[in-house]
Amino acid sequence: YPNYQHRKLYLEQQLLKRSINLDPAFLDQIAQESEGASYNKLKRIITEALIFSTIALRPVTEDDFEKALDSEIRHVEKLTTNL
């Protein structure tokens, strides 16, 4: 699995290819938080963030990456309530 520097470099390259601009501090957070993640997992995070933005019909945001991190890295599930 890639170390921190390789994860950060991979993320930078993949985001550059897709013309996605994230705050460098946020990109650093993703690289740190994804400790133990494979390149495929990092790619899934990017893809999921893009899907979230496409569904919302807007450019990708840090919030989209937060949601992707929740499902892929943090394993956080949203609770839904039926009122």
C-alpha atoms as a PDB file:
ATOM      1  CA  TYR A   1       0.000   0.000   0.000  1.00  0.00           C
ATOM      2  CA  PRO A   2       1.247   3.498  -0.768  1.00  0.00           C
ATOM      3  CA  ASN A   3       2.742   5.598   1.995  1.00  0.00           C
ATOM      4  CA  TYR A   4       1.568   9.126   2.791  1.00  0.00           C
ATOM      5  CA  GLN A   5       3.755  10.833   0.158  1.00  0.00           C
ATOM      6  CA  HIS A   6       2.692   8.406  -2.585  1.00  0.00           C
ATOM      7  CA  ARG A   7      -0.995   8.750  -1.658  1.00  0.00           C
ATOM      8  CA  LYS A   8      -0.750  12.533  -1.752  1.00  0.00           C
ATOM      9  CA  LEU A   9       1.083  12.507  -5.086  1.00  0.00           C
ATOM     10  CA  TYR A  10      -1.449  10.070  -6.570  1.00  0.00           C
ATOM     11  CA  LEU A  11      -4.364  12.216  -5.398  1.00  0.00           C
ATOM     12  CA  GLU A  12      -2.733  15.365  -6.794  1.00  0.00           C
ATOM     13  CA  GLN A  13      -2.171  13.699 -10.174  1.00  0.00           C
ATOM     14  CA  GLN A  14      -5.666  12.248 -10.392  1.00  0.00           C
ATOM     15  CA  LEU A  15      -7.335  15.524  -9.407  1.00  0.00           C
ATOM     16  CA  LEU A  16      -5.195  17.466 -11.877  1.00  0.00           C
ATOM     17  CA  LYS A  17      -6.277  15.089 -14.670  1.00  0.00           C
ATOM     18  CA  ARG A  18      -9.896  15.821 -13.808  1.00  0.00           C
ATOM     19  CA  SER A  19      -9.394  19.584 -13.295  1.00  0.00           C
ATOM     20  CA  ILE A  20     -10.500  19.328  -9.663  1.00  0.00           C
ATOM     21  CA  ASN A  21      -9.033  21.981  -7.389  1.00  0.00           C
ATOM     22  CA  LEU A  22      -9.039  21.271  -3.676  1.00  0.00           C
ATOM     23  CA  ASP A  23      -7.476  23.265  -0.872  1.00  0.00           C
ATOM     24  CA  PRO A  24      -3.959  21.844  -0.309  1.00  0.00           C
ATOM     25  CA  ALA A  25      -4.701  21.425   3.405  1.00  0.00           C
ATOM     26  CA  PHE A  26      -7.798  19.363   2.573  1.00  0.00           C
ATOM     27  CA  LEU A  27      -5.829  17.237   0.112  1.00  0.00           C
ATOM     28  CA  ASP A  28      -3.282  16.675   2.865  1.00  0.00           C
ATOM     29  CA  GLN A  29      -6.098  15.600   5.201  1.00  0.00           C
ATOM     30  CA  ILE A  30      -7.333  13.041   2.661  1.00  0.00           C
ATOM     31  CA  ALA A  31      -3.813  11.649   2.223  1.00  0.00           C
ATOM     32  CA  GLN A  32      -3.371  11.356   6.000  1.00  0.00           C
ATOM     33  CA  GLU A  33      -6.800   9.902   6.648  1.00  0.00           C
ATOM     34  CA  SER A  34      -6.443   7.281   3.937  1.00  0.00           C
ATOM     35  CA  GLU A  35      -3.592   5.472   5.734  1.00  0.00           C
ATOM     36  CA  GLY A  36      -3.613   1.833   4.584  1.00  0.00           C
ATOM     37  CA  ALA A  37      -5.687   2.558   1.476  1.00  0.00           C
ATOM     38  CA  SER A  38      -4.720   1.121  -1.893  1.00  0.00           C
ATOM     39  CA  TYR A  39      -4.552   3.126  -5.110  1.00  0.00           C
ATOM     40  CA  ASN A  40      -7.861   1.517  -6.093  1.00  0.00           C
ATOM     41  CA  LYS A  41      -9.471   2.752  -2.867  1.00  0.00           C
ATOM     42  CA  LEU A  42      -8.157   6.283  -3.524  1.00  0.00           C
ATOM     43  CA  LYS A  43      -9.581   6.133  -7.032  1.00  0.00           C
ATOM     44  CA  ARG A  44     -12.959   5.019  -5.609  1.00  0.00           C
ATOM     45  CA  ILE A  45     -12.963   8.036  -3.276  1.00  0.00           C
ATOM     46  CA  ILE A  46     -12.442  10.373  -6.237  1.00  0.00           C
ATOM     47  CA  THR A  47     -15.048   8.556  -8.339  1.00  0.00           C
ATOM     48  CA  GLU A  48     -17.620   8.660  -5.542  1.00  0.00           C
ATOM     49  CA  ALA A  49     -17.052  12.380  -4.999  1.00  0.00           C
ATOM     50  CA  LEU A  50     -17.590  12.922  -8.735  1.00  0.00           C
ATOM     51  CA  ILE A  51     -20.795  10.880  -8.623  1.00  0.00           C
ATOM     52  CA  PHE A  52     -22.127  12.939  -5.709  1.00  0.00           C
ATOM     53  CA  SER A  53     -21.449  16.169  -7.611  1.00  0.00           C
ATOM     54  CA  THR A  54     -22.964  14.815 -10.831  1.00  0.00           C
ATOM     55  CA  ILE A  55     -26.158  13.816  -9.024  1.00  0.00           C
ATOM     56  CA  ALA A  56     -26.359  17.345  -7.584  1.00  0.00           C
ATOM     57  CA  LEU A  57     -25.634  18.850 -11.044  1.00  0.00           C
ATOM     58  CA  ARG A  58     -22.729  20.987  -9.834  1.00  0.00           C
ATOM     59  CA  PRO A  59     -18.927  20.961  -9.744  1.00  0.00           C
ATOM     60  CA  VAL A  60     -17.289  18.662  -7.209  1.00  0.00           C
ATOM     61  CA  THR A  61     -16.735  20.146  -3.745  1.00  0.00           C
ATOM     62  CA  GLU A  62     -14.901  19.237  -0.566  1.00  0.00           C
ATOM     63  CA  ASP A  63     -18.257  18.148   0.842  1.00  0.00           C
ATOM     64  CA  ASP A  64     -18.469  15.504  -1.901  1.00  0.00           C
ATOM     65  CA  PHE A  65     -15.057  14.219  -0.824  1.00  0.00           C
ATOM     66  CA  GLU A  66     -16.183  14.227   2.819  1.00  0.00           C
ATOM     67  CA  LYS A  67     -19.148  12.012   1.879  1.00  0.00           C
ATOM     68  CA  ALA A  68     -16.868   9.705  -0.119  1.00  0.00           C
ATOM     69  CA  LEU A  69     -14.446   9.476   2.812  1.00  0.00           C
ATOM     70  CA  ASP A  70     -17.364   8.702   5.119  1.00  0.00           C
ATOM     71  CA  SER A  71     -18.356   5.673   3.064  1.00  0.00           C
ATOM     72  CA  GLU A  72     -14.952   4.443   1.844  1.00  0.00           C
ATOM     73  CA  ILE A  73     -12.593   5.196   4.743  1.00  0.00           C
ATOM     74  CA  ARG A  74     -14.542   6.166   7.842  1.00  0.00           C
ATOM     75  CA  HIS A  75     -17.340   3.637   7.245  1.00  0.00           C
ATOM     76  CA  VAL A  76     -19.948   6.090   8.460  1.00  0.00           C
ATOM     77  CA  GLU A  77     -23.515   5.382   7.460  1.00  0.00           C
ATOM     78  CA  LYS A  78     -26.116   8.097   7.313  1.00  0.00           C
ATOM     79  CA  LEU A  79     -29.159   7.433   9.380  1.00  0.00           C
ATOM     80  CA  THR A  80     -32.394   8.102   7.603  1.00  0.00           C
ATOM     81  CA  THR A  81     -35.578   8.877   9.390  1.00  0.00           C
ATOM     82  CA  ASN A  82     -39.057   8.492   8.047  1.00  0.00           C
ATOM     83  CA  LEU A  83     -41.188  11.220   9.529  1.00  0.00           C
END
